[in-house]
Amino acid sequence: MVQKVFRAGKAHFQCKECGFSYKDRIWAEKCEQYCKKYHSCSLEITKHSVS
């Protein structure tokens, strides 16, 4: 399950597998599912991450 974190006063959703954060929960969930299944990150998903 993705984790809600706050950075610079804004809510982001973090993948527990790799630690990437996203503005939208759906991308964090897709990232987490991909990471769990392939033990790797998807470039198509991580391009939606925030720094």
N, C-alpha and C. Protein backbone atom coordinates (compact mmCIF):
# COMPACT_ATOMS: atom_id res chain seq x y z
N MET A 1 0.84 -1.17 0.00
CA MET A 1 0.00 0.00 0.00
C MET A 1 0.89 1.24 0.00
N VAL A 2 0.57 2.19 -0.87
CA VAL A 2 1.36 3.41 -0.97
C VAL A 2 1.21 4.25 0.29
N GLN A 3 2.19 5.09 0.52
CA GLN A 3 2.21 5.91 1.73
C GLN A 3 2.03 7.37 1.35
N LYS A 4 1.20 8.08 2.10
CA LYS A 4 1.00 9.50 1.87
C LYS A 4 2.06 10.26 2.66
N VAL A 5 2.81 11.11 1.96
CA VAL A 5 3.86 11.92 2.58
C VAL A 5 3.64 13.38 2.23
N PHE A 6 4.19 14.26 3.05
CA PHE A 6 4.06 15.69 2.81
C PHE A 6 5.44 16.28 2.56
N ARG A 7 5.56 17.01 1.46
CA ARG A 7 6.82 17.67 1.10
C ARG A 7 6.49 19.09 0.69
N ALA A 8 7.17 20.02 1.27
CA ALA A 8 6.96 21.46 0.97
C ALA A 8 5.48 21.83 1.10
N GLY A 9 4.82 21.23 2.08
CA GLY A 9 3.42 21.55 2.33
C GLY A 9 2.43 20.91 1.37
N LYS A 10 2.90 20.03 0.49
CA LYS A 10 2.02 19.37 -0.48
C LYS A 10 2.01 17.87 -0.22
N ALA A 11 0.86 17.26 -0.44
CA ALA A 11 0.73 15.81 -0.25
C ALA A 11 1.21 15.08 -1.50
N HIS A 12 2.03 14.07 -1.29
CA HIS A 12 2.48 13.18 -2.36
C HIS A 12 2.25 11.75 -1.90
N PHE A 13 2.27 10.85 -2.86
CA PHE A 13 2.09 9.43 -2.57
C PHE A 13 3.37 8.71 -2.95
N GLN A 14 3.88 7.90 -2.04
CA GLN A 14 5.19 7.28 -2.21
C GLN A 14 5.06 5.77 -2.37
N CYS A 15 5.79 5.25 -3.35
CA CYS A 15 5.91 3.80 -3.55
C CYS A 15 6.78 3.25 -2.43
N LYS A 16 6.30 2.28 -1.70
CA LYS A 16 7.08 1.71 -0.59
C LYS A 16 8.22 0.83 -1.08
N GLU A 17 8.13 0.38 -2.33
CA GLU A 17 9.17 -0.51 -2.86
C GLU A 17 10.44 0.25 -3.26
N CYS A 18 10.28 1.36 -4.00
CA CYS A 18 11.45 2.07 -4.51
C CYS A 18 11.62 3.46 -3.93
N GLY A 19 10.56 4.02 -3.35
CA GLY A 19 10.66 5.32 -2.72
C GLY A 19 10.31 6.50 -3.60
N PHE A 20 9.99 6.28 -4.89
CA PHE A 20 9.58 7.39 -5.74
C PHE A 20 8.25 7.95 -5.27
N SER A 21 8.09 9.27 -5.42
CA SER A 21 6.86 9.95 -5.00
C SER A 21 6.10 10.49 -6.21
N TYR A 22 4.78 10.53 -6.08
CA TYR A 22 3.90 10.96 -7.15
C TYR A 22 2.83 11.89 -6.62
N LYS A 23 2.36 12.81 -7.47
CA LYS A 23 1.27 13.70 -7.08
C LYS A 23 -0.04 12.94 -7.00
N ASP A 24 -0.23 11.95 -7.87
CA ASP A 24 -1.47 11.18 -7.93
C ASP A 24 -1.26 9.79 -7.37
N ARG A 25 -2.20 9.36 -6.55
CA ARG A 25 -2.13 8.03 -5.93
C ARG A 25 -2.06 6.92 -6.98
N ILE A 26 -2.78 7.08 -8.08
CA ILE A 26 -2.85 6.02 -9.09
C ILE A 26 -1.45 5.68 -9.64
N TRP A 27 -0.59 6.69 -9.85
CA TRP A 27 0.75 6.42 -10.36
C TRP A 27 1.61 5.73 -9.31
N ALA A 28 1.44 6.10 -8.07
CA ALA A 28 2.19 5.44 -7.00
C ALA A 28 1.78 3.98 -6.87
N GLU A 29 0.49 3.71 -7.03
CA GLU A 29 0.01 2.33 -6.96
C GLU A 29 0.53 1.51 -8.14
N LYS A 30 0.52 2.10 -9.33
CA LYS A 30 1.05 1.40 -10.52
C LYS A 30 2.54 1.11 -10.33
N CYS A 31 3.26 2.09 -9.79
CA CYS A 31 4.69 1.93 -9.54
C CYS A 31 4.94 0.78 -8.56
N GLU A 32 4.21 0.78 -7.48
CA GLU A 32 4.39 -0.25 -6.47
C GLU A 32 4.09 -1.64 -7.01
N GLN A 33 3.04 -1.76 -7.79
CA GLN A 33 2.69 -3.05 -8.40
C GLN A 33 3.80 -3.53 -9.34
N TYR A 34 4.30 -2.61 -10.16
CA TYR A 34 5.36 -2.95 -11.11
C TYR A 34 6.63 -3.36 -10.36
N CYS A 35 7.00 -2.58 -9.37
CA CYS A 35 8.20 -2.88 -8.59
C CYS A 35 8.12 -4.25 -7.92
N LYS A 36 6.97 -4.56 -7.36
CA LYS A 36 6.80 -5.85 -6.68
C LYS A 36 6.90 -7.01 -7.67
N LYS A 37 6.31 -6.83 -8.85
CA LYS A 37 6.26 -7.91 -9.84
C LYS A 37 7.61 -8.13 -10.52
N TYR A 38 8.30 -7.05 -10.90
CA TYR A 38 9.52 -7.17 -11.70
C TYR A 38 10.81 -6.84 -10.95
N HIS A 39 10.70 -6.39 -9.69
CA HIS A 39 11.88 -6.00 -8.90
C HIS A 39 12.73 -4.99 -9.66
N SER A 40 12.03 -4.07 -10.31
CA SER A 40 12.65 -3.04 -11.12
C SER A 40 11.66 -1.90 -11.30
N CYS A 41 12.12 -0.76 -11.81
CA CYS A 41 11.23 0.38 -12.06
C CYS A 41 10.92 0.49 -13.55
N SER A 42 9.74 0.97 -13.86
CA SER A 42 9.32 1.21 -15.23
C SER A 42 9.57 2.67 -15.58
N LEU A 43 10.26 2.92 -16.69
CA LEU A 43 10.50 4.30 -17.12
C LEU A 43 9.19 5.00 -17.48
N GLU A 44 8.24 4.26 -18.01
CA GLU A 44 6.94 4.84 -18.37
C GLU A 44 6.18 5.31 -17.14
N ILE A 45 6.38 4.66 -16.03
CA ILE A 45 5.70 5.05 -14.78
C ILE A 45 6.50 6.13 -14.07
N THR A 46 7.81 5.95 -13.96
CA THR A 46 8.61 6.88 -13.17
C THR A 46 8.72 8.26 -13.81
N LYS A 47 8.39 8.40 -15.08
CA LYS A 47 8.43 9.73 -15.69
C LYS A 47 7.34 10.64 -15.08
N HIS A 48 6.40 10.05 -14.35
CA HIS A 48 5.35 10.81 -13.67
C HIS A 48 5.71 11.14 -12.22
N SER A 49 6.89 10.73 -11.78
CA SER A 49 7.30 10.97 -10.39
C SER A 49 7.69 12.44 -10.19
N VAL A 50 7.69 12.84 -8.94
CA VAL A 50 8.09 14.20 -8.59
C VAL A 50 9.37 14.11 -7.76
N SER A 51 10.14 15.18 -7.77
CA SER A 51 11.40 15.14 -7.01
C SER A 51 11.23 15.65 -5.61
